[in-house]
Amino acid sequence: MRIRRALTGAFLAFVLVAGGIAGWRLLAEPAAGAQDRKGPEPPVTVVLAAAEARDVPVWRSGLGSVQAFQTVTVRARVDGQLDDVAFTEGQQVRQGDLLARIDPRPFQASLDQAVAQKARDEAQLANARLDLQRYQTLSRTEGASRQQLDTQRAQVAQLEATVQSDAASIDNARTQLDYTRITAPLSGRLGVRLVDAGNIVHAADTNGLVVIAQLHPIALLFTLPQDDLAAVLRRQREAVGAQPDATPEGGPREPPSNGLPVQALARDGRVLSEGRLLLADNRIDPASGTVQLKAAFPNLDDALWPGQLVSARLLLETRRGAVTIPAAAVQRGQEGPFAYVLKPDQSVELRKLRLGPQAEGSAVVDEGLAAGEQVVTDGLHRLRPGARVKPAGAQARR
């Protein structure tokens, strides 16, 4: 009886197991068939761009402010009443142009007095010389003592010195008279008039009459990080050595034709003016770790104005025939920058890159990519090495 029950239980267990296996096969076969009918994963739609070889300018950018190339505060050099103001505010003047006149009559009188004094002393000198000749004649016949002769010689020498002093007084009086005509010490644009005609002006006045600013050329002071200084100095020496320095003695009046190119940019990125680098300051600011540089611009169209804040861009070099790709194609991982490159079978591979400078939305590729190869610029988040892709807008392959 017990044996029969055991056999019956074993038989029922076998039936249940066999039924479960059969049911699993029935459920698995349709799923497998559906998977077979689905086929491989569809290609990922991406945007591609071709790597191209072109000349790439390498810029260094910083903030700067415009200042006049030279600035002079015109002051009176003698005291007197300001008779006339001969300029208009904001006028462009040339060196030597008349700006104002101080009442010249007191200075003319001083000059006339010095001339008269010299004439009187010259007359006395002439008479003293005649007396010296008489004493010399008398001394030969002992008609005059040697003491008289020596005294007369001293009198002549004293009067000669007096005449020389008179000549110096005349020169000084003439100079003071010339100072009553106030002229422009340099070419430039005048500012606001600081003194009106009729006022008494003094040589000790600190405000002056007007300020002249040289705007053609004009200067731009800007800063760059100290890490760029060595490269800038090296390139500047190469640029200056390639062309003769035409800077006139006594300071430049025109921007140099050599030196690294510099652009002044507006806030919206427009190029306002182009000039040349003059120099780098002889010290680095330890507080900011930057160095100040100075550039000169012709500024013939008055695009730059003293006190204006601009962005400065210095052309350090131009990379000839550099391979470039859009900056959007560059990805960064634990092993450095990389890009997805299209292969002939319409799949992508991960390519490690060694990058150069980046500017204007493009990246220079020093190693890892050749001109003409295509890289993915959009749709990167769904890619993996070996994934099949379809360019955006292209017909899907069947």
Protein backbone atom coordinates (compact mmCIF):
# COMPACT_ATOMS: atom_id res chain seq x y z
CA MET A 1 0.00 0.00 0.00
CA ARG A 2 2.78 2.35 0.92
CA ILE A 3 4.67 1.43 -2.26
CA ARG A 4 1.60 2.25 -4.37
CA ARG A 5 1.23 5.66 -2.75
CA ALA A 6 4.92 6.47 -3.34
CA LEU A 7 4.69 5.47 -7.00
CA THR A 8 1.57 7.59 -7.41
CA GLY A 9 3.28 10.65 -5.85
CA ALA A 10 6.34 10.26 -8.04
CA PHE A 11 4.18 9.98 -11.12
CA LEU A 12 2.26 13.16 -10.23
CA ALA A 13 5.54 15.07 -9.63
CA PHE A 14 6.89 13.93 -13.01
CA VAL A 15 3.72 15.13 -14.72
CA LEU A 16 3.92 18.55 -13.08
CA VAL A 17 7.58 19.02 -14.05
CA ALA A 18 6.99 17.95 -17.62
CA GLY A 19 4.03 20.29 -17.89
CA GLY A 20 6.06 23.23 -16.57
CA ILE A 21 8.86 22.63 -19.07
CA ALA A 22 6.39 22.40 -21.93
CA GLY A 23 4.65 25.63 -20.85
CA TRP A 24 7.96 27.52 -20.59
CA ARG A 25 8.90 26.42 -24.10
CA LEU A 26 5.56 27.57 -25.44
CA LEU A 27 6.04 31.02 -23.85
CA ALA A 28 9.70 31.39 -24.86
CA GLU A 29 9.23 30.47 -28.53
CA PRO A 30 6.95 33.44 -29.38
CA ALA A 31 9.29 35.87 -27.54
CA ALA A 32 12.31 34.52 -29.41
CA GLY A 33 10.44 34.76 -32.65
CA ALA A 34 9.54 38.37 -31.91
CA GLN A 35 13.17 39.15 -31.11
CA ASP A 36 14.27 37.57 -34.38
CA ARG A 37 11.73 39.61 -36.28
CA LYS A 38 12.92 42.88 -34.52
CA GLY A 39 16.49 42.62 -35.94
CA PRO A 40 19.50 44.88 -34.97
CA GLU A 41 19.16 48.21 -33.18
CA PRO A 42 18.29 51.15 -35.48
CA PRO A 43 21.06 53.65 -36.34
CA VAL A 44 21.42 56.80 -34.24
CA THR A 45 20.65 60.05 -36.06
CA VAL A 46 23.60 62.43 -35.68
CA VAL A 47 25.02 65.63 -37.16
CA LEU A 48 28.42 65.30 -38.82
CA ALA A 49 31.12 67.82 -39.67
CA ALA A 50 34.29 67.31 -41.67
CA ALA A 51 37.72 68.16 -40.26
CA GLU A 52 39.36 70.76 -42.45
CA ALA A 53 42.86 72.16 -42.85
CA ARG A 54 43.07 75.94 -42.70
CA ASP A 55 45.13 78.79 -41.29
CA VAL A 56 44.14 79.45 -37.69
CA PRO A 57 45.02 82.72 -35.90
CA VAL A 58 46.05 82.25 -32.28
CA TRP A 59 44.80 85.17 -30.18
CA ARG A 60 45.40 86.26 -26.61
CA SER A 61 42.63 88.39 -25.15
CA GLY A 62 42.40 90.81 -22.25
CA LEU A 63 40.59 93.90 -21.02
CA GLY A 64 42.01 97.35 -21.59
CA SER A 65 41.40 101.06 -21.54
CA VAL A 66 42.16 103.69 -24.16
CA GLN A 67 44.34 106.67 -23.32
CA ALA A 68 45.75 109.57 -25.30
CA PHE A 69 49.16 108.89 -26.77
CA GLN A 70 50.36 112.15 -25.22
CA THR A 71 48.54 114.58 -22.92
CA VAL A 72 49.62 118.14 -22.09
CA THR A 73 47.97 120.69 -19.82
CA VAL A 74 48.62 124.10 -21.38
CA ARG A 75 49.56 126.64 -18.69
CA ALA A 76 50.62 130.27 -18.67
CA ARG A 77 54.36 130.77 -18.21
CA VAL A 78 54.08 134.42 -17.17
CA ASP A 79 51.64 136.38 -15.03
CA GLY A 80 49.20 138.78 -16.64
CA GLN A 81 45.73 139.38 -17.97
CA LEU A 82 44.41 136.93 -20.55
CA ASP A 83 43.54 139.21 -23.45
CA ASP A 84 42.35 136.64 -26.01
CA VAL A 85 41.44 132.96 -26.28
CA ALA A 86 42.17 131.98 -29.85
CA PHE A 87 40.83 128.42 -29.87
CA THR A 88 37.51 126.61 -29.90
CA GLU A 89 36.78 123.82 -27.45
CA GLY A 90 37.21 120.42 -29.09
CA GLN A 91 39.27 121.89 -31.92
CA GLN A 92 42.01 119.87 -33.61
CA VAL A 93 45.24 121.90 -33.47
CA ARG A 94 48.74 121.50 -34.80
CA GLN A 95 51.95 122.02 -32.92
CA GLY A 96 52.75 125.77 -32.81
CA ASP A 97 49.18 127.01 -33.37
CA LEU A 98 48.27 130.09 -31.32
CA LEU A 99 45.94 129.26 -28.41
CA ALA A 100 45.82 132.45 -26.29
CA ARG A 101 47.44 135.84 -25.68
CA ILE A 102 48.43 137.51 -22.44
CA ASP A 103 48.64 141.32 -22.29
CA PRO A 104 52.15 141.93 -23.72
CA ARG A 105 52.59 145.63 -22.77
CA PRO A 106 54.38 145.14 -19.44
CA PHE A 107 56.77 142.67 -21.01
CA GLN A 108 57.36 144.92 -24.02
CA ALA A 109 58.25 147.75 -21.65
CA SER A 110 60.69 145.51 -19.80
CA LEU A 111 62.32 144.59 -23.10
CA ASP A 112 62.62 148.22 -24.17
CA GLN A 113 64.15 149.08 -20.80
CA ALA A 114 66.72 146.29 -21.13
CA VAL A 115 67.63 147.44 -24.63
CA ALA A 116 68.09 151.03 -23.41
CA GLN A 117 70.20 149.89 -20.48
CA LYS A 118 72.47 147.97 -22.80
CA ALA A 119 72.84 150.98 -25.09
CA ARG A 120 73.85 153.18 -22.13
CA ASP A 121 76.39 150.65 -20.89
CA GLU A 122 77.80 150.19 -24.39
CA ALA A 123 78.35 153.97 -24.59
CA GLN A 124 80.18 153.93 -21.29
CA LEU A 125 82.23 150.98 -22.47
CA ALA A 126 83.21 152.82 -25.65
CA ASN A 127 84.34 155.85 -23.63
CA ALA A 128 86.28 153.64 -21.21
CA ARG A 129 88.10 152.00 -24.09
CA LEU A 130 89.12 155.41 -25.47
CA ASP A 131 90.44 156.40 -22.05
CA LEU A 132 92.37 153.13 -21.92
CA GLN A 133 94.03 153.94 -25.24
CA ARG A 134 95.02 157.43 -23.92
CA TYR A 135 96.52 155.95 -20.76
CA GLN A 136 98.46 153.42 -22.81
CA THR A 137 99.92 156.25 -24.95
CA LEU A 138 100.80 158.35 -21.90
CA SER A 139 102.37 155.43 -20.09
CA ARG A 140 105.01 155.12 -22.81
CA THR A 141 106.25 158.64 -22.00
CA GLU A 142 105.58 158.25 -18.29
CA GLY A 143 102.70 160.70 -18.55
CA ALA A 144 100.45 158.26 -16.69
CA SER A 145 101.29 155.91 -13.87
CA ARG A 146 101.02 152.18 -14.13
CA GLN A 147 98.31 152.23 -11.46
CA GLN A 148 96.11 154.50 -13.57
CA LEU A 149 96.60 152.22 -16.54
CA ASP A 150 95.62 149.10 -14.55
CA THR A 151 92.59 150.85 -13.07
CA GLN A 152 91.36 151.84 -16.51
CA ARG A 153 91.77 148.28 -17.79
CA ALA A 154 89.67 147.03 -14.90
CA GLN A 155 87.03 149.65 -15.70
CA VAL A 156 86.84 148.43 -19.31
CA ALA A 157 86.54 144.80 -18.23
CA GLN A 158 83.79 145.71 -15.76
CA LEU A 159 81.79 147.54 -18.40
CA GLU A 160 82.23 144.65 -20.88
CA ALA A 161 80.72 142.31 -18.27
CA THR A 162 77.89 144.78 -17.72
CA VAL A 163 77.10 144.83 -21.44
CA GLN A 164 77.04 141.03 -21.49
CA SER A 165 74.63 141.09 -18.55
CA ASP A 166 72.48 143.56 -20.43
CA ALA A 167 72.40 141.24 -23.43
CA ALA A 168 71.22 138.42 -21.16
CA SER A 169 68.55 140.68 -19.72
CA ILE A 170 67.35 141.48 -23.20
CA ASP A 171 67.16 137.78 -24.06
CA ASN A 172 65.19 137.12 -20.89
CA ALA A 173 62.83 140.04 -21.52
CA ARG A 174 62.30 138.90 -25.11
CA THR A 175 61.57 135.35 -23.86
CA GLN A 176 59.05 136.66 -21.34
CA LEU A 177 57.41 138.63 -24.13
CA ASP A 178 57.26 135.52 -26.30
CA TYR A 179 55.54 133.68 -23.44
CA THR A 180 52.60 136.06 -23.78
CA ARG A 181 51.73 134.12 -26.95
CA ILE A 182 50.61 130.69 -25.76
CA THR A 183 50.97 128.08 -28.51
CA ALA A 184 50.16 124.39 -28.80
CA PRO A 185 53.12 122.25 -27.65
CA LEU A 186 51.90 119.28 -29.71
CA SER A 187 49.29 118.33 -32.27
CA GLY A 188 46.06 117.02 -30.82
CA ARG A 189 42.48 117.69 -29.83
CA LEU A 190 41.60 120.39 -27.32
CA GLY A 191 39.37 119.76 -24.36
CA VAL A 192 37.13 122.07 -22.36
CA ARG A 193 38.32 125.67 -21.90
CA LEU A 194 39.36 126.14 -18.27
CA VAL A 195 39.91 129.94 -18.22
CA ASP A 196 38.01 132.70 -19.99
CA ALA A 197 39.47 135.84 -21.50
CA GLY A 198 39.78 138.73 -19.08
CA ASN A 199 40.99 136.67 -16.15
CA ILE A 200 44.39 137.19 -14.53
CA VAL A 201 46.52 134.08 -15.03
CA HIS A 202 49.69 133.09 -13.21
CA ALA A 203 52.55 130.78 -14.01
CA ALA A 204 51.86 129.01 -10.70
CA ASP A 205 48.27 128.13 -11.62
CA THR A 206 47.71 124.34 -11.49
CA ASN A 207 44.56 124.05 -13.62
CA GLY A 208 45.98 125.56 -16.78
CA LEU A 209 44.09 126.96 -19.75
CA VAL A 210 43.17 123.80 -21.66
CA VAL A 211 44.26 120.18 -22.06
CA ILE A 212 45.57 118.83 -25.37
CA ALA A 213 45.29 115.10 -26.03
CA GLN A 214 47.03 113.41 -28.94
CA LEU A 215 44.50 111.03 -30.49
CA HIS A 216 46.28 110.25 -33.79
CA PRO A 217 47.82 107.88 -32.89
CA ILE A 218 46.14 106.74 -29.70
CA ALA A 219 47.27 104.22 -27.10
CA LEU A 220 45.60 101.18 -25.55
CA LEU A 221 46.70 99.67 -22.24
CA PHE A 222 45.54 96.10 -21.61
CA THR A 223 46.52 93.14 -19.47
CA LEU A 224 47.32 89.49 -20.17
CA PRO A 225 48.07 86.60 -17.81
CA GLN A 226 51.71 86.33 -16.80
CA ASP A 227 51.87 82.84 -18.36
CA ASP A 228 51.53 84.44 -21.82
CA LEU A 229 54.37 86.92 -21.31
CA ALA A 230 57.24 84.69 -22.49
CA ALA A 231 55.48 83.82 -25.75
CA VAL A 232 54.47 87.44 -26.35
CA LEU A 233 58.02 88.73 -25.83
CA ARG A 234 59.45 86.05 -28.10
CA ARG A 235 56.97 86.78 -30.89
CA GLN A 236 57.43 90.54 -30.44
CA ARG A 237 61.20 90.23 -30.87
CA GLU A 238 60.65 88.21 -34.02
CA ALA A 239 58.18 90.78 -35.38
CA VAL A 240 60.36 93.78 -34.58
CA GLY A 241 63.46 92.08 -35.95
CA ALA A 242 61.72 91.30 -39.22
CA GLN A 243 61.16 94.99 -40.05
CA PRO A 244 63.22 98.13 -39.46
CA ASP A 245 62.13 100.33 -36.58
CA ALA A 246 60.93 103.61 -38.06
CA THR A 247 60.34 105.29 -34.69
CA PRO A 248 61.75 108.84 -34.85
CA GLU A 249 64.11 110.08 -32.19
CA GLY A 250 62.34 111.69 -29.27
CA GLY A 251 59.29 109.43 -29.20
CA PRO A 252 56.93 107.85 -31.73
CA ARG A 253 54.52 110.09 -33.59
CA GLU A 254 52.97 107.33 -35.66
CA PRO A 255 52.20 103.70 -34.76
CA PRO A 256 55.10 101.41 -35.64
CA SER A 257 54.78 99.27 -38.73
CA ASN A 258 56.31 96.34 -36.86
CA GLY A 259 55.16 94.73 -33.65
CA LEU A 260 52.47 92.14 -33.07
CA PRO A 261 48.98 93.01 -34.41
CA VAL A 262 46.44 94.08 -31.80
CA GLN A 263 42.69 94.58 -32.24
CA ALA A 264 40.40 96.71 -30.08
CA LEU A 265 36.94 95.15 -29.80
CA ALA A 266 33.60 96.63 -28.73
CA ARG A 267 31.34 94.90 -26.24
CA ASP A 268 29.44 93.17 -29.04
CA GLY A 269 32.67 91.79 -30.54
CA ARG A 270 33.01 94.31 -33.39
CA VAL A 271 36.55 95.27 -34.33
CA LEU A 272 36.86 98.99 -33.63
CA SER A 273 40.45 99.51 -34.71
CA GLU A 274 43.66 97.66 -35.50
CA GLY A 275 47.13 98.62 -34.29
CA ARG A 276 50.49 97.25 -33.20
CA LEU A 277 52.00 96.25 -29.90
CA LEU A 278 54.51 98.75 -28.56
CA LEU A 279 55.79 97.19 -25.37
CA ALA A 280 55.19 95.04 -22.33
CA ASP A 281 55.54 96.64 -18.92
CA ASN A 282 58.75 95.95 -17.01
CA ARG A 283 56.95 94.32 -14.07
CA ILE A 284 54.20 91.82 -13.36
CA ASP A 285 51.44 92.80 -10.97
CA PRO A 286 51.85 90.32 -8.08
CA ALA A 287 48.29 90.91 -6.86
CA SER A 288 46.61 89.81 -10.10
CA GLY A 289 49.35 87.81 -11.82
CA THR A 290 48.97 89.89 -14.97
CA VAL A 291 51.27 92.04 -17.06
CA GLN A 292 50.29 95.32 -18.70
CA LEU A 293 50.93 95.86 -22.41
CA LYS A 294 50.68 98.98 -24.56
CA ALA A 295 49.58 99.15 -28.18
CA ALA A 296 49.28 102.07 -30.62
CA PHE A 297 46.47 102.62 -33.13
CA PRO A 298 46.31 105.14 -36.03
CA ASN A 299 42.71 105.97 -35.00
CA LEU A 300 42.14 108.12 -38.08
CA ASP A 301 38.39 107.54 -37.82
CA ASP A 302 38.29 108.40 -34.08
CA ALA A 303 36.86 104.97 -33.27
CA LEU A 304 38.80 105.00 -29.98
CA TRP A 305 38.54 107.70 -27.33
CA PRO A 306 40.51 108.30 -24.12
CA GLY A 307 38.94 106.55 -21.15
CA GLN A 308 37.05 104.05 -23.31
CA LEU A 309 36.90 100.47 -21.99
CA VAL A 310 37.44 97.85 -24.69
CA SER A 311 38.53 94.26 -25.13
CA ALA A 312 41.99 93.82 -26.60
CA ARG A 313 43.01 90.88 -28.77
CA LEU A 314 46.66 90.22 -29.60
CA LEU A 315 47.60 88.00 -32.53
CA LEU A 316 50.32 85.74 -31.14
CA GLU A 317 50.80 83.57 -34.23
CA THR A 318 49.01 81.97 -37.18
CA ARG A 319 48.93 78.16 -37.40
CA ARG A 320 49.30 77.32 -41.09
CA GLY A 321 47.31 74.35 -42.44
CA ALA A 322 46.06 73.28 -39.02
CA VAL A 323 43.40 70.54 -38.79
CA THR A 324 40.29 72.00 -37.15
CA ILE A 325 36.94 70.63 -36.03
CA PRO A 326 33.95 72.30 -34.39
CA ALA A 327 34.43 72.67 -30.66
CA ALA A 328 31.09 70.88 -30.13
CA ALA A 329 32.63 67.64 -31.42
CA VAL A 330 35.24 67.54 -28.65
CA GLN A 331 34.34 65.40 -25.64
CA ARG A 332 36.37 64.90 -22.51
CA GLY A 333 36.83 61.71 -20.57
CA GLN A 334 39.11 60.32 -17.91
CA GLU A 335 41.89 59.81 -20.47
CA GLY A 336 41.56 63.25 -22.03
CA PRO A 337 39.74 64.76 -25.01
CA PHE A 338 38.22 62.54 -27.69
CA ALA A 339 35.75 62.63 -30.58
CA TYR A 340 33.48 60.14 -32.34
CA VAL A 341 34.77 59.59 -35.88
CA LEU A 342 32.66 58.13 -38.69
CA LYS A 343 33.99 54.90 -40.24
CA PRO A 344 33.26 53.67 -43.79
CA ASP A 345 30.68 51.15 -42.51
CA GLN A 346 28.57 53.99 -41.08
CA SER A 347 29.58 53.19 -37.50
CA VAL A 348 31.62 55.39 -35.18
CA GLU A 349 34.83 54.90 -33.29
CA LEU A 350 36.15 56.75 -30.27
CA ARG A 351 39.32 58.63 -31.25
CA LYS A 352 41.64 60.19 -28.65
CA LEU A 353 42.85 63.67 -29.58
CA ARG A 354 45.68 66.02 -28.70
CA LEU A 355 44.30 69.52 -28.98
CA GLY A 356 45.87 72.85 -29.76
CA PRO A 357 44.33 76.29 -29.21
CA GLN A 358 40.57 76.84 -29.45
CA ALA A 359 39.02 79.99 -30.87
CA GLU A 360 35.83 81.18 -32.56
CA GLY A 361 34.00 77.89 -32.02
CA SER A 362 36.74 75.69 -33.52
CA ALA A 363 39.41 73.49 -31.98
CA VAL A 364 42.82 72.75 -33.49
CA VAL A 365 43.71 69.05 -33.48
CA ASP A 366 47.45 68.48 -33.27
CA GLU A 367 47.19 64.67 -33.27
CA GLY A 368 44.50 62.04 -33.73
CA LEU A 369 42.60 63.31 -36.77
CA ALA A 370 43.25 63.97 -40.43
CA ALA A 371 41.67 66.56 -42.69
CA GLY A 372 38.54 65.21 -44.41
CA GLU A 373 37.51 62.79 -41.66
CA GLN A 374 34.01 63.33 -40.30
CA VAL A 375 33.22 63.76 -36.62
CA VAL A 376 29.93 63.79 -34.75
CA THR A 377 28.87 67.21 -33.44
CA ASP A 378 25.29 66.44 -32.27
CA GLY A 379 23.59 63.31 -30.95
CA LEU A 380 26.64 62.37 -28.89
CA HIS A 381 24.70 61.37 -25.77
CA ARG A 382 23.35 58.18 -27.42
CA LEU A 383 26.62 57.01 -28.93
CA ARG A 384 29.05 54.33 -27.94
CA PRO A 385 32.05 52.91 -29.81
CA GLY A 386 30.86 50.79 -32.75
CA ALA A 387 27.35 52.24 -32.83
CA ARG A 388 25.74 52.63 -36.27
CA VAL A 389 24.75 56.19 -37.17
CA LYS A 390 22.67 57.97 -39.77
CA PRO A 391 23.47 61.55 -40.75
CA ALA A 392 20.61 63.93 -40.05
CA GLY A 393 18.47 64.39 -43.16
CA ALA A 394 19.82 61.29 -44.93
CA GLN A 395 17.55 58.39 -46.02
CA ALA A 396 17.73 55.37 -43.77
CA ARG A 397 19.44 52.35 -45.29
CA ARG A 398 17.28 49.30 -45.97
